[in-house]
Amino acid sequence: MHGGTLHAERILWGYLKTKPLGFKFRRQHPYSIYILDFYCHSLKLAIEVDGSVHHLQEMRIADEERQKFLKNNGMDVLRFSNAEILKEQEQVIQRIDSYLKTKKQLNEREV
């Protein structure tokens, strides 16, 4: 794994392992033929971290197929680049928090 991706994943894991808003995340979670960078089972949410290799045409195609497969299996996917996580950490966490707050409010209404 590329060093930048590993560093970006560590930063994100530092936040996700605190169980934000009470949601438990797993790191490097197997799902079908894929390994998800981060996964929250209760929300069916995958968070993916993309390194520079994901800019290559064959990787973009593979990422699109993977995303389509996950969505077809009822999963939401939040995708961030290494650069976003490393340079805009607060904005990335705000986007995740916003998603989690929305889901938490929906869950509370259903109860």
N, C-alpha and C. Protein backbone atom coordinates (compact mmCIF):
# COMPACT_ATOMS: atom_id res chain seq x y z
N MET A 1 0.84 -1.17 0.00
CA MET A 1 0.00 0.00 0.00
C MET A 1 0.89 1.24 0.00
N HIS A 2 0.51 2.24 -0.74
CA HIS A 2 1.27 3.48 -0.84
C HIS A 2 1.27 4.20 0.50
N GLY A 3 2.39 4.81 0.85
CA GLY A 3 2.54 5.48 2.13
C GLY A 3 1.51 6.56 2.39
N GLY A 4 1.15 7.35 1.34
CA GLY A 4 0.16 8.41 1.50
C GLY A 4 -1.20 7.84 1.86
N THR A 5 -1.55 6.73 1.22
CA THR A 5 -2.84 6.09 1.50
C THR A 5 -2.86 5.57 2.93
N LEU A 6 -1.78 4.95 3.34
CA LEU A 6 -1.70 4.41 4.70
C LEU A 6 -1.83 5.54 5.72
N HIS A 7 -1.14 6.65 5.48
CA HIS A 7 -1.20 7.79 6.40
C HIS A 7 -2.62 8.36 6.44
N ALA A 8 -3.26 8.51 5.28
CA ALA A 8 -4.62 9.03 5.21
C ALA A 8 -5.59 8.10 5.93
N GLU A 9 -5.42 6.79 5.74
CA GLU A 9 -6.28 5.83 6.43
C GLU A 9 -6.09 5.89 7.94
N ARG A 10 -4.85 6.06 8.39
CA ARG A 10 -4.60 6.17 9.83
C ARG A 10 -5.30 7.39 10.42
N ILE A 11 -5.24 8.50 9.70
CA ILE A 11 -5.91 9.72 10.16
C ILE A 11 -7.41 9.48 10.29
N LEU A 12 -7.99 8.90 9.25
CA LEU A 12 -9.43 8.66 9.26
C LEU A 12 -9.80 7.64 10.34
N TRP A 13 -8.99 6.60 10.49
CA TRP A 13 -9.26 5.58 11.51
C TRP A 13 -9.19 6.20 12.91
N GLY A 14 -8.27 7.15 13.11
CA GLY A 14 -8.17 7.83 14.40
C GLY A 14 -9.51 8.44 14.80
N TYR A 15 -10.26 8.91 13.83
CA TYR A 15 -11.57 9.47 14.09
C TYR A 15 -12.65 8.38 14.18
N LEU A 16 -12.68 7.47 13.22
CA LEU A 16 -13.76 6.48 13.15
C LEU A 16 -13.74 5.49 14.32
N LYS A 17 -12.57 5.19 14.86
CA LYS A 17 -12.50 4.22 15.96
C LYS A 17 -13.08 4.77 17.25
N THR A 18 -13.37 6.08 17.29
CA THR A 18 -13.99 6.68 18.48
C THR A 18 -15.50 6.44 18.50
N LYS A 19 -16.01 5.69 17.52
CA LYS A 19 -17.45 5.41 17.39
C LYS A 19 -18.26 6.70 17.34
N PRO A 20 -18.02 7.52 16.32
CA PRO A 20 -18.73 8.80 16.23
C PRO A 20 -20.24 8.60 16.24
N LEU A 21 -20.93 9.39 17.07
CA LEU A 21 -22.39 9.33 17.24
C LEU A 21 -22.87 7.92 17.59
N GLY A 22 -21.96 7.12 18.15
CA GLY A 22 -22.33 5.78 18.60
C GLY A 22 -22.27 4.71 17.51
N PHE A 23 -21.79 5.06 16.32
CA PHE A 23 -21.70 4.09 15.23
C PHE A 23 -20.33 3.42 15.22
N LYS A 24 -20.34 2.10 15.24
CA LYS A 24 -19.09 1.32 15.25
C LYS A 24 -18.62 1.08 13.83
N PHE A 25 -17.34 1.36 13.59
CA PHE A 25 -16.71 1.12 12.29
C PHE A 25 -15.67 0.02 12.41
N ARG A 26 -15.51 -0.72 11.34
CA ARG A 26 -14.45 -1.72 11.24
C ARG A 26 -13.49 -1.27 10.15
N ARG A 27 -12.23 -1.64 10.32
CA ARG A 27 -11.21 -1.28 9.34
C ARG A 27 -10.85 -2.51 8.52
N GLN A 28 -10.62 -2.32 7.21
CA GLN A 28 -10.23 -3.42 6.32
C GLN A 28 -11.21 -4.58 6.43
N HIS A 29 -12.48 -4.28 6.24
CA HIS A 29 -13.54 -5.26 6.42
C HIS A 29 -13.86 -5.99 5.11
N PRO A 30 -13.81 -7.34 5.10
CA PRO A 30 -14.15 -8.08 3.88
C PRO A 30 -15.65 -8.03 3.61
N TYR A 31 -16.00 -7.79 2.35
CA TYR A 31 -17.40 -7.81 1.92
C TYR A 31 -17.42 -8.40 0.52
N SER A 32 -17.98 -9.59 0.39
CA SER A 32 -17.97 -10.33 -0.88
C SER A 32 -16.51 -10.48 -1.34
N ILE A 33 -16.21 -10.02 -2.55
CA ILE A 33 -14.84 -10.17 -3.07
C ILE A 33 -13.97 -8.95 -2.76
N TYR A 34 -14.52 -7.99 -2.02
CA TYR A 34 -13.82 -6.74 -1.76
C TYR A 34 -13.36 -6.63 -0.31
N ILE A 35 -12.37 -5.77 -0.10
CA ILE A 35 -11.96 -5.37 1.24
C ILE A 35 -12.27 -3.88 1.33
N LEU A 36 -13.19 -3.55 2.23
CA LEU A 36 -13.59 -2.15 2.40
C LEU A 36 -12.64 -1.47 3.36
N ASP A 37 -12.22 -0.25 3.04
CA ASP A 37 -11.30 0.46 3.93
C ASP A 37 -11.92 0.60 5.32
N PHE A 38 -13.17 1.08 5.36
CA PHE A 38 -13.89 1.23 6.62
C PHE A 38 -15.34 0.85 6.38
N TYR A 39 -15.95 0.20 7.39
CA TYR A 39 -17.33 -0.27 7.22
C TYR A 39 -18.10 -0.15 8.52
N CYS A 40 -19.32 0.38 8.41
CA CYS A 40 -20.25 0.44 9.54
C CYS A 40 -21.41 -0.47 9.20
N HIS A 41 -21.49 -1.61 9.90
CA HIS A 41 -22.51 -2.62 9.61
C HIS A 41 -23.92 -2.09 9.86
N SER A 42 -24.14 -1.39 10.95
CA SER A 42 -25.50 -0.95 11.28
C SER A 42 -26.06 0.03 10.26
N LEU A 43 -25.19 0.75 9.56
CA LEU A 43 -25.64 1.70 8.54
C LEU A 43 -25.47 1.17 7.11
N LYS A 44 -24.80 0.03 6.99
CA LYS A 44 -24.39 -0.46 5.66
C LYS A 44 -23.68 0.66 4.91
N LEU A 45 -22.65 1.19 5.55
CA LEU A 45 -21.87 2.31 5.02
C LEU A 45 -20.42 1.90 4.84
N ALA A 46 -19.92 2.09 3.63
CA ALA A 46 -18.49 1.89 3.35
C ALA A 46 -17.86 3.26 3.16
N ILE A 47 -16.68 3.43 3.74
CA ILE A 47 -15.89 4.64 3.49
C ILE A 47 -14.60 4.19 2.84
N GLU A 48 -14.37 4.72 1.64
CA GLU A 48 -13.21 4.31 0.85
C GLU A 48 -12.21 5.46 0.74
N VAL A 49 -10.92 5.13 0.82
CA VAL A 49 -9.84 6.09 0.69
C VAL A 49 -9.09 5.76 -0.60
N ASP A 50 -9.05 6.74 -1.50
CA ASP A 50 -8.42 6.53 -2.80
C ASP A 50 -7.07 7.22 -2.90
N GLY A 51 -6.04 6.43 -3.21
CA GLY A 51 -4.72 6.97 -3.48
C GLY A 51 -4.60 7.42 -4.92
N SER A 52 -3.44 7.90 -5.29
CA SER A 52 -3.24 8.42 -6.65
C SER A 52 -3.42 7.35 -7.72
N VAL A 53 -3.22 6.08 -7.37
CA VAL A 53 -3.39 4.99 -8.34
C VAL A 53 -4.84 4.95 -8.86
N HIS A 54 -5.78 5.48 -8.09
CA HIS A 54 -7.19 5.46 -8.48
C HIS A 54 -7.48 6.42 -9.62
N HIS A 55 -6.49 7.24 -10.02
CA HIS A 55 -6.67 8.13 -11.17
C HIS A 55 -6.43 7.39 -12.48
N LEU A 56 -5.80 6.23 -12.42
CA LEU A 56 -5.55 5.45 -13.63
C LEU A 56 -6.87 4.93 -14.19
N GLN A 57 -6.97 4.88 -15.50
CA GLN A 57 -8.22 4.50 -16.16
C GLN A 57 -8.74 3.13 -15.69
N GLU A 58 -7.86 2.12 -15.62
CA GLU A 58 -8.34 0.79 -15.22
C GLU A 58 -8.82 0.77 -13.76
N MET A 59 -8.19 1.58 -12.91
CA MET A 59 -8.64 1.66 -11.51
C MET A 59 -9.97 2.39 -11.40
N ARG A 60 -10.15 3.42 -12.24
CA ARG A 60 -11.43 4.14 -12.20
C ARG A 60 -12.57 3.21 -12.59
N ILE A 61 -12.33 2.39 -13.60
CA ILE A 61 -13.34 1.43 -14.04
C ILE A 61 -13.62 0.41 -12.93
N ALA A 62 -12.57 -0.10 -12.31
CA ALA A 62 -12.73 -1.07 -11.22
C ALA A 62 -13.47 -0.42 -10.05
N ASP A 63 -13.15 0.84 -9.74
CA ASP A 63 -13.83 1.55 -8.65
C ASP A 63 -15.32 1.73 -8.96
N GLU A 64 -15.63 2.05 -10.22
CA GLU A 64 -17.03 2.22 -10.61
C GLU A 64 -17.80 0.90 -10.48
N GLU A 65 -17.18 -0.19 -10.91
CA GLU A 65 -17.82 -1.51 -10.78
C GLU A 65 -18.04 -1.87 -9.31
N ARG A 66 -17.03 -1.61 -8.51
CA ARG A 66 -17.11 -1.90 -7.08
C ARG A 66 -18.23 -1.08 -6.44
N GLN A 67 -18.27 0.22 -6.76
CA GLN A 67 -19.29 1.11 -6.20
C GLN A 67 -20.69 0.66 -6.63
N LYS A 68 -20.84 0.28 -7.88
CA LYS A 68 -22.14 -0.19 -8.38
C LYS A 68 -22.56 -1.46 -7.64
N PHE A 69 -21.62 -2.39 -7.45
CA PHE A 69 -21.90 -3.63 -6.73
C PHE A 69 -22.36 -3.34 -5.30
N LEU A 70 -21.64 -2.46 -4.61
CA LEU A 70 -21.97 -2.14 -3.23
C LEU A 70 -23.35 -1.47 -3.14
N LYS A 71 -23.61 -0.53 -4.04
CA LYS A 71 -24.92 0.15 -4.04
C LYS A 71 -26.04 -0.84 -4.35
N ASN A 72 -25.80 -1.76 -5.28
CA ASN A 72 -26.80 -2.77 -5.61
C ASN A 72 -27.08 -3.70 -4.44
N ASN A 73 -26.16 -3.76 -3.48
CA ASN A 73 -26.33 -4.57 -2.29
C ASN A 73 -26.80 -3.72 -1.10
N GLY A 74 -27.37 -2.55 -1.40
CA GLY A 74 -27.97 -1.71 -0.38
C GLY A 74 -27.00 -0.92 0.47
N MET A 75 -25.78 -0.74 -0.01
CA MET A 75 -24.76 -0.06 0.77
C MET A 75 -24.55 1.36 0.26
N ASP A 76 -24.33 2.29 1.19
CA ASP A 76 -23.90 3.64 0.82
C ASP A 76 -22.39 3.67 0.83
N VAL A 77 -21.81 4.50 -0.03
CA VAL A 77 -20.35 4.59 -0.11
C VAL A 77 -19.95 6.07 -0.05
N LEU A 78 -19.10 6.40 0.89
CA LEU A 78 -18.47 7.71 0.92
C LEU A 78 -17.03 7.50 0.49
N ARG A 79 -16.59 8.29 -0.47
CA ARG A 79 -15.26 8.12 -1.05
C ARG A 79 -14.47 9.41 -0.91
N PHE A 80 -13.25 9.27 -0.41
CA PHE A 80 -12.38 10.43 -0.22
C PHE A 80 -11.01 10.13 -0.82
N SER A 81 -10.36 11.15 -1.34
CA SER A 81 -9.00 10.97 -1.83
C SER A 81 -8.02 11.19 -0.68
N ASN A 82 -6.81 10.67 -0.84
CA ASN A 82 -5.75 10.91 0.14
C ASN A 82 -5.60 12.41 0.37
N ALA A 83 -5.56 13.16 -0.72
CA ALA A 83 -5.33 14.61 -0.63
C ALA A 83 -6.41 15.27 0.21
N GLU A 84 -7.67 14.88 0.01
CA GLU A 84 -8.76 15.46 0.81
C GLU A 84 -8.52 15.21 2.29
N ILE A 85 -8.19 13.97 2.63
CA ILE A 85 -8.01 13.61 4.04
C ILE A 85 -6.80 14.33 4.64
N LEU A 86 -5.72 14.39 3.88
CA LEU A 86 -4.49 15.00 4.40
C LEU A 86 -4.57 16.52 4.46
N LYS A 87 -5.24 17.15 3.48
CA LYS A 87 -5.26 18.62 3.40
C LYS A 87 -6.53 19.24 3.94
N GLU A 88 -7.62 18.48 3.95
CA GLU A 88 -8.92 19.04 4.35
C GLU A 88 -9.59 18.12 5.37
N GLN A 89 -8.82 17.72 6.37
CA GLN A 89 -9.28 16.75 7.35
C GLN A 89 -10.60 17.18 8.01
N GLU A 90 -10.71 18.44 8.40
CA GLU A 90 -11.93 18.90 9.07
C GLU A 90 -13.15 18.78 8.17
N GLN A 91 -12.99 19.13 6.89
CA GLN A 91 -14.12 19.04 5.95
C GLN A 91 -14.54 17.58 5.73
N VAL A 92 -13.57 16.68 5.67
CA VAL A 92 -13.87 15.25 5.50
C VAL A 92 -14.67 14.75 6.71
N ILE A 93 -14.21 15.09 7.89
CA ILE A 93 -14.91 14.65 9.11
C ILE A 93 -16.30 15.28 9.18
N GLN A 94 -16.43 16.54 8.75
CA GLN A 94 -17.75 17.18 8.73
C GLN A 94 -18.70 16.46 7.78
N ARG A 95 -18.19 16.03 6.63
CA ARG A 95 -19.04 15.30 5.67
C ARG A 95 -19.49 13.97 6.27
N ILE A 96 -18.58 13.28 6.93
CA ILE A 96 -18.94 12.00 7.57
C ILE A 96 -19.94 12.26 8.69
N ASP A 97 -19.66 13.25 9.53
CA ASP A 97 -20.57 13.59 10.62
C ASP A 97 -21.96 13.95 10.10
N SER A 98 -22.01 14.72 9.03
CA SER A 98 -23.29 15.11 8.45
C SER A 98 -24.08 13.89 8.01
N TYR A 99 -23.40 12.95 7.36
CA TYR A 99 -24.04 11.70 6.94
C TYR A 99 -24.55 10.94 8.17
N LEU A 100 -23.70 10.80 9.20
CA LEU A 100 -24.07 10.05 10.40
C LEU A 100 -25.24 10.70 11.13
N LYS A 101 -25.23 12.03 11.24
CA LYS A 101 -26.32 12.74 11.92
C LYS A 101 -27.64 12.52 11.19
N THR A 102 -27.60 12.59 9.86
CA THR A 102 -28.81 12.36 9.06
C THR A 102 -29.35 10.96 9.31
N LYS A 103 -28.47 9.96 9.28
CA LYS A 103 -28.89 8.57 9.50
C LYS A 103 -29.41 8.37 10.92
N LYS A 104 -28.74 9.00 11.90
CA LYS A 104 -29.17 8.86 13.29
C LYS A 104 -30.57 9.45 13.47
N GLN A 105 -30.83 10.61 12.86
CA GLN A 105 -32.15 11.23 12.96
C GLN A 105 -33.21 10.36 12.30
N LEU A 106 -32.89 9.78 11.16
CA LEU A 106 -33.84 8.89 10.48
C LEU A 106 -34.14 7.68 11.35
N ASN A 107 -33.09 7.11 11.95
CA ASN A 107 -33.27 5.93 12.83
C ASN A 107 -34.13 6.28 14.03
N GLU A 108 -33.93 7.46 14.60
CA GLU A 108 -34.69 7.86 15.79
C GLU A 108 -36.16 8.07 15.44
N ARG A 109 -36.45 8.56 14.24
CA ARG A 109 -37.84 8.77 13.81
C ARG A 109 -38.56 7.45 13.63
N GLU A 110 -37.80 6.42 13.20
CA GLU A 110 -38.41 5.10 12.94
C GLU A 110 -38.76 4.37 14.23
N VAL A 111 -38.11 4.73 15.32
CA VAL A 111 -38.32 4.03 16.60
C VAL A 111 -39.62 4.43 17.25
